[in-house]
């Protein structure tokens, strides 16, 4: 069950559109990147941890009705990604460097070794890389596109390498200042996922209780 749910769950953490986004018409080179892009990278480095509510809609060509889910998430550079889905059913997902864990409403935990699944590993690394603010590492994995200002910006990403390039055609991240508001992904298959983040907060340190409750159960 966990292996079947992982791609959709991970994509839900990253906010995608069915049509090609206009930011992909604005490629940039790292050596001559706009000042706004450089400042954005620095802002994202400091936006830790990041908390948000999410609302996701995934469109699969074989289905007439999109799949929808919602909940809350926390991203910590030190501890990983915690995602609590509330609708349509309660399930928690914890993504860390050591692997992935899923916990259902009854408290049953499944663990998954991401190193054995290179595509899943690539999803995880790409998501965390976007929020890391490491523009050199980001440029190594994606062809970069950018437009806007530090106050309101759009970042386009096209995978350079497999295995991610075999699955993802492009990703678009939209936000204001150091806060992500939307992450969109267009898959090579034609499927797409669109996730909107609301109530986004950054730089509010995790308490000991929060760290234990959200990030310790997957060990």
Foldseek 3Di string as FASTA:
>chain_A
DCVVCLVVVLVQVFFADLDDDPLVVFFDDPVPDDPQLLQLLVQLQQFAKKKWKKWKWKFDPVDPGTDIWIFIKIAGPVFGIWTFIPPPATKIWGQDPQFIWIAHPVGDIDTDGCVVPVQSVVSRVLVVVVSNSPVVVQVVFWRWGWDDGLQWIKIKTAGDDPPPNQWWGIKMWIDGHNWTAKIKTQTPNSMIMGMGTPPMGGDDDDDPVRCCVGRVVRD
